Amino acid sequence: MKKFNEYKPWQLKGVLEMLVPLVIGEISKSRNISHDEAIELLYSSHLYKTLETESTKMWHLSQLTLSDLLNEELETGKITFPEEA
């Protein structure tokens, strides 16, 4: 069984294809906004840029944690990266 740090870039794409819709749902719910607005917020964020970067290991965090991090970024302009990331 592969460890998280052994994923190849194409495998990360597959993980993101499963994770991103869940994160968008959490953003929509937590901010009480439409699905399309949540998509725009996520894809235009610094958080998404770090999520796309395999070496940050942000992709292993839960959709709730990622939604909270995006809300933090939107409110403060900063992201407090968890130690496990």
PDB file of N, CA and C in Angstrom:
ATOM      1  N   MET A   1       0.834  -1.181   0.000  1.00  0.00           N
ATOM      2  CA  MET A   1       0.000   0.000   0.000  1.00  0.00           C
ATOM      3  C   MET A   1       0.879   1.244   0.000  1.00  0.00           C
ATOM      4  N   LYS A   2       0.539   2.200  -0.862  1.00  0.00           N
ATOM      5  CA  LYS A   2       1.347   3.411  -0.967  1.00  0.00           C
ATOM      6  C   LYS A   2       1.110   4.342   0.209  1.00  0.00           C
ATOM      7  N   LYS A   3       2.154   5.032   0.588  1.00  0.00           N
ATOM      8  CA  LYS A   3       2.035   6.082   1.588  1.00  0.00           C
ATOM      9  C   LYS A   3       1.663   7.364   0.858  1.00  0.00           C
ATOM     10  N   PHE A   4       1.109   8.326   1.607  1.00  0.00           N
ATOM     11  CA  PHE A   4       0.699   9.595   1.001  1.00  0.00           C
ATOM     12  C   PHE A   4       1.844  10.278   0.252  1.00  0.00           C
ATOM     13  N   ASN A   5       3.049  10.186   0.764  1.00  0.00           N
ATOM     14  CA  ASN A   5       4.161  10.899   0.139  1.00  0.00           C
ATOM     15  C   ASN A   5       4.688  10.207  -1.111  1.00  0.00           C
ATOM     16  N   GLU A   6       4.072   9.097  -1.513  1.00  0.00           N
ATOM     17  CA  GLU A   6       4.513   8.384  -2.700  1.00  0.00           C
ATOM     18  C   GLU A   6       3.608   8.622  -3.904  1.00  0.00           C
ATOM     19  N   TYR A   7       2.669   9.548  -3.808  1.00  0.00           N
ATOM     20  CA  TYR A   7       1.762   9.820  -4.924  1.00  0.00           C
ATOM     21  C   TYR A   7       2.480  10.537  -6.055  1.00  0.00           C
ATOM     22  N   LYS A   8       2.131  10.193  -7.255  1.00  0.00           N
ATOM     23  CA  LYS A   8       2.638  10.854  -8.456  1.00  0.00           C
ATOM     24  C   LYS A   8       1.707  12.008  -8.809  1.00  0.00           C
ATOM     25  N   PRO A   9       2.179  12.996  -9.594  1.00  0.00           N
ATOM     26  CA  PRO A   9       1.322  14.142  -9.943  1.00  0.00           C
ATOM     27  C   PRO A   9      -0.022  13.754 -10.549  1.00  0.00           C
ATOM     28  N   TRP A  10      -0.057  12.755 -11.402  1.00  0.00           N
ATOM     29  CA  TRP A  10      -1.329  12.367 -12.002  1.00  0.00           C
ATOM     30  C   TRP A  10      -2.269  11.750 -10.981  1.00  0.00           C
ATOM     31  N   GLN A  11      -1.712  11.132  -9.940  1.00  0.00           N
ATOM     32  CA  GLN A  11      -2.540  10.573  -8.878  1.00  0.00           C
ATOM     33  C   GLN A  11      -3.115  11.686  -8.005  1.00  0.00           C
ATOM     34  N   LEU A  12      -2.337  12.752  -7.807  1.00  0.00           N
ATOM     35  CA  LEU A  12      -2.828  13.898  -7.052  1.00  0.00           C
ATOM     36  C   LEU A  12      -4.038  14.493  -7.750  1.00  0.00           C
ATOM     37  N   LYS A  13      -4.016  14.548  -9.061  1.00  0.00           N
ATOM     38  CA  LYS A  13      -5.165  15.067  -9.813  1.00  0.00           C
ATOM     39  C   LYS A  13      -6.419  14.265  -9.477  1.00  0.00           C
ATOM     40  N   GLY A  14      -6.285  12.956  -9.388  1.00  0.00           N
ATOM     41  CA  GLY A  14      -7.418  12.105  -9.040  1.00  0.00           C
ATOM     42  C   GLY A  14      -7.932  12.381  -7.635  1.00  0.00           C
ATOM     43  N   VAL A  15      -7.020  12.580  -6.698  1.00  0.00           N
ATOM     44  CA  VAL A  15      -7.407  12.908  -5.324  1.00  0.00           C
ATOM     45  C   VAL A  15      -8.160  14.235  -5.305  1.00  0.00           C
ATOM     46  N   LEU A  16      -7.643  15.231  -6.028  1.00  0.00           N
ATOM     47  CA  LEU A  16      -8.297  16.538  -6.057  1.00  0.00           C
ATOM     48  C   LEU A  16      -9.670  16.459  -6.709  1.00  0.00           C
ATOM     49  N   GLU A  17      -9.816  15.625  -7.725  1.00  0.00           N
ATOM     50  CA  GLU A  17     -11.119  15.488  -8.388  1.00  0.00           C
ATOM     51  C   GLU A  17     -12.172  14.945  -7.430  1.00  0.00           C
ATOM     52  N   MET A  18     -11.764  14.183  -6.435  1.00  0.00           N
ATOM     53  CA  MET A  18     -12.703  13.681  -5.429  1.00  0.00           C
ATOM     54  C   MET A  18     -12.877  14.667  -4.279  1.00  0.00           C
ATOM     55  N   LEU A  19     -11.803  15.346  -3.895  1.00  0.00           N
ATOM     56  CA  LEU A  19     -11.814  16.213  -2.727  1.00  0.00           C
ATOM     57  C   LEU A  19     -12.449  17.573  -2.985  1.00  0.00           C
ATOM     58  N   VAL A  20     -12.145  18.185  -4.118  1.00  0.00           N
ATOM     59  CA  VAL A  20     -12.598  19.552  -4.391  1.00  0.00           C
ATOM     60  C   VAL A  20     -14.119  19.705  -4.317  1.00  0.00           C
ATOM     61  N   PRO A  21     -14.924  18.806  -4.890  1.00  0.00           N
ATOM     62  CA  PRO A  21     -16.377  18.969  -4.751  1.00  0.00           C
ATOM     63  C   PRO A  21     -16.851  18.954  -3.292  1.00  0.00           C
ATOM     64  N   LEU A  22     -16.194  18.147  -2.464  1.00  0.00           N
ATOM     65  CA  LEU A  22     -16.539  18.108  -1.044  1.00  0.00           C
ATOM     66  C   LEU A  22     -16.196  19.424  -0.361  1.00  0.00           C
ATOM     67  N   VAL A  23     -15.042  19.986  -0.699  1.00  0.00           N
ATOM     68  CA  VAL A  23     -14.619  21.270  -0.131  1.00  0.00           C
ATOM     69  C   VAL A  23     -15.581  22.371  -0.583  1.00  0.00           C
ATOM     70  N   ILE A  24     -15.951  22.361  -1.843  1.00  0.00           N
ATOM     71  CA  ILE A  24     -16.881  23.364  -2.369  1.00  0.00           C
ATOM     72  C   ILE A  24     -18.216  23.288  -1.621  1.00  0.00           C
ATOM     73  N   GLY A  25     -18.684  22.074  -1.359  1.00  0.00           N
ATOM     74  CA  GLY A  25     -19.916  21.904  -0.587  1.00  0.00           C
ATOM     75  C   GLY A  25     -19.808  22.497   0.802  1.00  0.00           C
ATOM     76  N   GLU A  26     -18.675  22.266   1.467  1.00  0.00           N
ATOM     77  CA  GLU A  26     -18.450  22.825   2.807  1.00  0.00           C
ATOM     78  C   GLU A  26     -18.391  24.351   2.769  1.00  0.00           C
ATOM     79  N   ILE A  27     -17.708  24.900   1.767  1.00  0.00           N
ATOM     80  CA  ILE A  27     -17.606  26.365   1.635  1.00  0.00           C
ATOM     81  C   ILE A  27     -18.994  26.958   1.429  1.00  0.00           C
ATOM     82  N   SER A  28     -19.752  26.351   0.537  1.00  0.00           N
ATOM     83  CA  SER A  28     -21.101  26.828   0.250  1.00  0.00           C
ATOM     84  C   SER A  28     -21.954  26.832   1.512  1.00  0.00           C
ATOM     85  N   LYS A  29     -21.857  25.754   2.272  1.00  0.00           N
ATOM     86  CA  LYS A  29     -22.646  25.629   3.501  1.00  0.00           C
ATOM     87  C   LYS A  29     -22.170  26.609   4.574  1.00  0.00           C
ATOM     88  N   SER A  30     -20.874  26.689   4.802  1.00  0.00           N
ATOM     89  CA  SER A  30     -20.349  27.524   5.888  1.00  0.00           C
ATOM     90  C   SER A  30     -20.506  29.019   5.625  1.00  0.00           C
ATOM     91  N   ARG A  31     -20.479  29.412   4.353  1.00  0.00           N
ATOM     92  CA  ARG A  31     -20.601  30.838   4.017  1.00  0.00           C
ATOM     93  C   ARG A  31     -22.006  31.198   3.530  1.00  0.00           C
ATOM     94  N   ASN A  32     -22.872  30.187   3.445  1.00  0.00           N
ATOM     95  CA  ASN A  32     -24.242  30.376   2.973  1.00  0.00           C
ATOM     96  C   ASN A  32     -24.259  31.077   1.606  1.00  0.00           C
ATOM     97  N   ILE A  33     -23.507  30.489   0.678  1.00  0.00           N
ATOM     98  CA  ILE A  33     -23.407  31.032  -0.679  1.00  0.00           C
ATOM     99  C   ILE A  33     -23.723  29.932  -1.683  1.00  0.00           C
ATOM    100  N   SER A  34     -23.901  30.329  -2.920  1.00  0.00           N
ATOM    101  CA  SER A  34     -24.213  29.347  -3.963  1.00  0.00           C
ATOM    102  C   SER A  34     -22.992  28.471  -4.270  1.00  0.00           C
ATOM    103  N   HIS A  35     -23.273  27.366  -4.896  1.00  0.00           N
ATOM    104  CA  HIS A  35     -22.227  26.436  -5.333  1.00  0.00           C
ATOM    105  C   HIS A  35     -21.243  27.155  -6.271  1.00  0.00           C
ATOM    106  N   ASP A  36     -21.777  27.943  -7.211  1.00  0.00           N
ATOM    107  CA  ASP A  36     -20.912  28.662  -8.154  1.00  0.00           C
ATOM    108  C   ASP A  36     -20.037  29.696  -7.457  1.00  0.00           C
ATOM    109  N   GLU A  37     -20.582  30.378  -6.457  1.00  0.00           N
ATOM    110  CA  GLU A  37     -19.773  31.343  -5.703  1.00  0.00           C
ATOM    111  C   GLU A  37     -18.668  30.632  -4.927  1.00  0.00           C
ATOM    112  N   ALA A  38     -18.990  29.472  -4.372  1.00  0.00           N
ATOM    113  CA  ALA A  38     -17.990  28.699  -3.637  1.00  0.00           C
ATOM    114  C   ALA A  38     -16.870  28.225  -4.557  1.00  0.00           C
ATOM    115  N   ILE A  39     -17.243  27.810  -5.758  1.00  0.00           N
ATOM    116  CA  ILE A  39     -16.236  27.399  -6.745  1.00  0.00           C
ATOM    117  C   ILE A  39     -15.289  28.561  -7.041  1.00  0.00           C
ATOM    118  N   GLU A  40     -15.853  29.726  -7.285  1.00  0.00           N
ATOM    119  CA  GLU A  40     -15.031  30.905  -7.602  1.00  0.00           C
ATOM    120  C   GLU A  40     -14.104  31.250  -6.447  1.00  0.00           C
ATOM    121  N   LEU A  41     -14.623  31.217  -5.220  1.00  0.00           N
ATOM    122  CA  LEU A  41     -13.783  31.526  -4.056  1.00  0.00           C
ATOM    123  C   LEU A  41     -12.617  30.546  -3.937  1.00  0.00           C
ATOM    124  N   LEU A  42     -12.917  29.259  -4.059  1.00  0.00           N
ATOM    125  CA  LEU A  42     -11.860  28.264  -3.893  1.00  0.00           C
ATOM    126  C   LEU A  42     -10.803  28.378  -4.980  1.00  0.00           C
ATOM    127  N   TYR A  43     -11.224  28.395  -6.234  1.00  0.00           N
ATOM    128  CA  TYR A  43     -10.253  28.387  -7.329  1.00  0.00           C
ATOM    129  C   TYR A  43      -9.424  29.671  -7.429  1.00  0.00           C
ATOM    130  N   SER A  44      -9.905  30.761  -6.849  1.00  0.00           N
ATOM    131  CA  SER A  44      -9.141  32.012  -6.896  1.00  0.00           C
ATOM    132  C   SER A  44      -8.305  32.227  -5.633  1.00  0.00           C
ATOM    133  N   SER A  45      -8.294  31.248  -4.745  1.00  0.00           N
ATOM    134  CA  SER A  45      -7.608  31.415  -3.455  1.00  0.00           C
ATOM    135  C   SER A  45      -6.161  30.934  -3.481  1.00  0.00           C
ATOM    136  N   HIS A  46      -5.413  31.450  -2.522  1.00  0.00           N
ATOM    137  CA  HIS A  46      -4.055  30.963  -2.294  1.00  0.00           C
ATOM    138  C   HIS A  46      -4.122  29.516  -1.786  1.00  0.00           C
ATOM    139  N   LEU A  47      -5.148  29.214  -1.011  1.00  0.00           N
ATOM    140  CA  LEU A  47      -5.314  27.855  -0.499  1.00  0.00           C
ATOM    141  C   LEU A  47      -5.349  26.851  -1.642  1.00  0.00           C
ATOM    142  N   TYR A  48      -6.083  27.155  -2.695  1.00  0.00           N
ATOM    143  CA  TYR A  48      -6.161  26.208  -3.811  1.00  0.00           C
ATOM    144  C   TYR A  48      -4.801  26.019  -4.467  1.00  0.00           C
ATOM    145  N   LYS A  49      -4.035  27.085  -4.575  1.00  0.00           N
ATOM    146  CA  LYS A  49      -2.695  26.958  -5.157  1.00  0.00           C
ATOM    147  C   LYS A  49      -1.831  26.017  -4.321  1.00  0.00           C
ATOM    148  N   THR A  50      -1.966  26.087  -3.001  1.00  0.00           N
ATOM    149  CA  THR A  50      -1.190  25.175  -2.155  1.00  0.00           C
ATOM    150  C   THR A  50      -1.759  23.758  -2.216  1.00  0.00           C
ATOM    151  N   LEU A  51      -3.068  23.651  -2.372  1.00  0.00           N
ATOM    152  CA  LEU A  51      -3.710  22.346  -2.485  1.00  0.00           C
ATOM    153  C   LEU A  51      -3.247  21.612  -3.741  1.00  0.00           C
ATOM    154  N   GLU A  52      -3.044  22.338  -4.815  1.00  0.00           N
ATOM    155  CA  GLU A  52      -2.586  21.761  -6.084  1.00  0.00           C
ATOM    156  C   GLU A  52      -1.125  21.325  -6.056  1.00  0.00           C
ATOM    157  N   THR A  53      -0.382  21.821  -5.089  1.00  0.00           N
ATOM    158  CA  THR A  53       1.050  21.535  -5.003  1.00  0.00           C
ATOM    159  C   THR A  53       1.253  20.305  -4.128  1.00  0.00           C
ATOM    160  N   GLU A  54       1.641  19.210  -4.743  1.00  0.00           N
ATOM    161  CA  GLU A  54       1.751  17.929  -4.046  1.00  0.00           C
ATOM    162  C   GLU A  54       2.626  18.028  -2.805  1.00  0.00           C
ATOM    163  N   SER A  55       3.705  18.746  -2.884  1.00  0.00           N
ATOM    164  CA  SER A  55       4.665  18.776  -1.776  1.00  0.00           C
ATOM    165  C   SER A  55       4.124  19.422  -0.503  1.00  0.00           C
ATOM    166  N   THR A  56       3.042  20.200  -0.594  1.00  0.00           N
ATOM    167  CA  THR A  56       2.470  20.821   0.607  1.00  0.00           C
ATOM    168  C   THR A  56       1.680  19.826   1.439  1.00  0.00           C
ATOM    169  N   LYS A  57       1.262  18.735   0.819  1.00  0.00           N
ATOM    170  CA  LYS A  57       0.467  17.689   1.476  1.00  0.00           C
ATOM    171  C   LYS A  57      -0.870  18.208   1.997  1.00  0.00           C
ATOM    172  N   MET A  58      -1.338  19.339   1.506  1.00  0.00           N
ATOM    173  CA  MET A  58      -2.622  19.901   1.934  1.00  0.00           C
ATOM    174  C   MET A  58      -3.781  19.010   1.501  1.00  0.00           C
ATOM    175  N   TRP A  59      -3.600  18.240   0.456  1.00  0.00           N
ATOM    176  CA  TRP A  59      -4.651  17.409  -0.102  1.00  0.00           C
ATOM    177  C   TRP A  59      -5.087  16.286   0.831  1.00  0.00           C
ATOM    178  N   HIS A  60      -4.327  16.038   1.886  1.00  0.00           N
ATOM    179  CA  HIS A  60      -4.740  14.971   2.799  1.00  0.00           C
ATOM    180  C   HIS A  60      -5.642  15.479   3.926  1.00  0.00           C
ATOM    181  N   LEU A  61      -5.864  16.792   3.994  1.00  0.00           N
ATOM    182  CA  LEU A  61      -6.735  17.356   5.026  1.00  0.00           C
ATOM    183  C   LEU A  61      -8.206  17.143   4.664  1.00  0.00           C
ATOM    184  N   SER A  62      -9.058  17.170   5.654  1.00  0.00           N
ATOM    185  CA  SER A  62     -10.486  16.962   5.418  1.00  0.00           C
ATOM    186  C   SER A  62     -11.112  18.173   4.734  1.00  0.00           C
ATOM    187  N   GLN A  63     -12.269  17.949   4.122  1.00  0.00           N
ATOM    188  CA  GLN A  63     -12.970  19.046   3.467  1.00  0.00           C
ATOM    189  C   GLN A  63     -13.361  20.125   4.471  1.00  0.00           C
ATOM    190  N   LEU A  64     -13.686  19.744   5.707  1.00  0.00           N
ATOM    191  CA  LEU A  64     -14.037  20.731   6.727  1.00  0.00           C
ATOM    192  C   LEU A  64     -12.828  21.583   7.093  1.00  0.00           C
ATOM    193  N   THR A  65     -11.687  20.956   7.276  1.00  0.00           N
ATOM    194  CA  THR A  65     -10.461  21.701   7.596  1.00  0.00           C
ATOM    195  C   THR A  65     -10.094  22.637   6.458  1.00  0.00           C
ATOM    196  N   LEU A  66     -10.173  22.160   5.229  1.00  0.00           N
ATOM    197  CA  LEU A  66      -9.840  23.008   4.077  1.00  0.00           C
ATOM    198  C   LEU A  66     -10.818  24.176   3.951  1.00  0.00           C
ATOM    199  N   SER A  67     -12.088  23.940   4.207  1.00  0.00           N
ATOM    200  CA  SER A  67     -13.081  25.020   4.187  1.00  0.00           C
ATOM    201  C   SER A  67     -12.764  26.050   5.266  1.00  0.00           C
ATOM    202  N   ASP A  68     -12.419  25.576   6.452  1.00  0.00           N
ATOM    203  CA  ASP A  68     -12.042  26.493   7.541  1.00  0.00           C
ATOM    204  C   ASP A  68     -10.809  27.307   7.171  1.00  0.00           C
ATOM    205  N   LEU A  69      -9.836  26.677   6.528  1.00  0.00           N
ATOM    206  CA  LEU A  69      -8.629  27.398   6.106  1.00  0.00           C
ATOM    207  C   LEU A  69      -8.956  28.461   5.061  1.00  0.00           C
ATOM    208  N   LEU A  70      -9.866  28.150   4.148  1.00  0.00           N
ATOM    209  CA  LEU A  70     -10.268  29.147   3.158  1.00  0.00           C
ATOM    210  C   LEU A  70     -10.984  30.311   3.838  1.00  0.00           C
ATOM    211  N   ASN A  71     -11.860  30.009   4.777  1.00  0.00           N
ATOM    212  CA  ASN A  71     -12.551  31.080   5.507  1.00  0.00           C
ATOM    213  C   ASN A  71     -11.554  31.962   6.252  1.00  0.00           C
ATOM    214  N   GLU A  72     -10.540  31.345   6.842  1.00  0.00           N
ATOM    215  CA  GLU A  72      -9.486  32.108   7.507  1.00  0.00           C
ATOM    216  C   GLU A  72      -8.762  33.010   6.502  1.00  0.00           C
ATOM    217  N   GLU A  73      -8.420  32.461   5.341  1.00  0.00           N
ATOM    218  CA  GLU A  73      -7.747  33.254   4.310  1.00  0.00           C
ATOM    219  C   GLU A  73      -8.609  34.439   3.886  1.00  0.00           C
ATOM    220  N   LEU A  74      -9.891  34.212   3.693  1.00  0.00           N
ATOM    221  CA  LEU A  74     -10.783  35.284   3.252  1.00  0.00           C
ATOM    222  C   LEU A  74     -10.970  36.361   4.324  1.00  0.00           C
ATOM    223  N   GLU A  75     -10.963  35.959   5.579  1.00  0.00           N
ATOM    224  CA  GLU A  75     -11.178  36.895   6.681  1.00  0.00           C
ATOM    225  C   GLU A  75      -9.919  37.646   7.090  1.00  0.00           C
ATOM    226  N   THR A  76      -8.765  36.970   7.021  1.00  0.00           N
ATOM    227  CA  THR A  76      -7.532  37.576   7.536  1.00  0.00           C
ATOM    228  C   THR A  76      -6.469  37.828   6.479  1.00  0.00           C
ATOM    229  N   GLY A  77      -6.626  37.185   5.319  1.00  0.00           N
ATOM    230  CA  GLY A  77      -5.599  37.291   4.287  1.00  0.00           C
ATOM    231  C   GLY A  77      -4.438  36.338   4.521  1.00  0.00           C
ATOM    232  N   LYS A  78      -4.543  35.514   5.558  1.00  0.00           N
ATOM    233  CA  LYS A  78      -3.476  34.568   5.896  1.00  0.00           C
ATOM    234  C   LYS A  78      -4.063  33.179   6.086  1.00  0.00           C
ATOM    235  N   ILE A  79      -3.196  32.186   6.001  1.00  0.00           N
ATOM    236  CA  ILE A  79      -3.580  30.813   6.284  1.00  0.00           C
ATOM    237  C   ILE A  79      -2.640  30.276   7.345  1.00  0.00           C
ATOM    238  N   THR A  80      -3.201  29.736   8.416  1.00  0.00           N
ATOM    239  CA  THR A  80      -2.404  29.072   9.444  1.00  0.00           C
ATOM    240  C   THR A  80      -2.367  27.600   9.074  1.00  0.00           C
ATOM    241  N   PHE A  81      -1.276  27.174   8.481  1.00  0.00           N
ATOM    242  CA  PHE A  81      -1.176  25.805   8.020  1.00  0.00           C
ATOM    243  C   PHE A  81      -1.057  24.853   9.211  1.00  0.00           C
ATOM    244  N   PRO A  82      -1.876  23.806   9.226  1.00  0.00           N
ATOM    245  CA  PRO A  82      -1.785  22.823  10.326  1.00  0.00           C
ATOM    246  C   PRO A  82      -0.422  22.134  10.307  1.00  0.00           C
ATOM    247  N   GLU A  83       0.028  21.704  11.460  1.00  0.00           N
ATOM    248  CA  GLU A  83       1.325  21.035  11.553  1.00  0.00           C
ATOM    249  C   GLU A  83       1.363  19.748  10.744  1.00  0.00           C
ATOM    250  N   GLU A  84       0.224  19.070  10.633  1.00  0.00           N
ATOM    251  CA  GLU A  84       0.212  17.807   9.898  1.00  0.00           C
ATOM    252  C   GLU A  84       0.216  17.995   8.406  1.00  0.00           C
ATOM    253  N   ALA A  85       0.075  19.219   7.921  1.00  0.00           N
ATOM    254  CA  ALA A  85       0.062  19.479   6.467  1.00  0.00           C
ATOM    255  C   ALA A  85       1.458  19.426   5.913  1.00  0.00           C
TER     256      ALA A  85
END
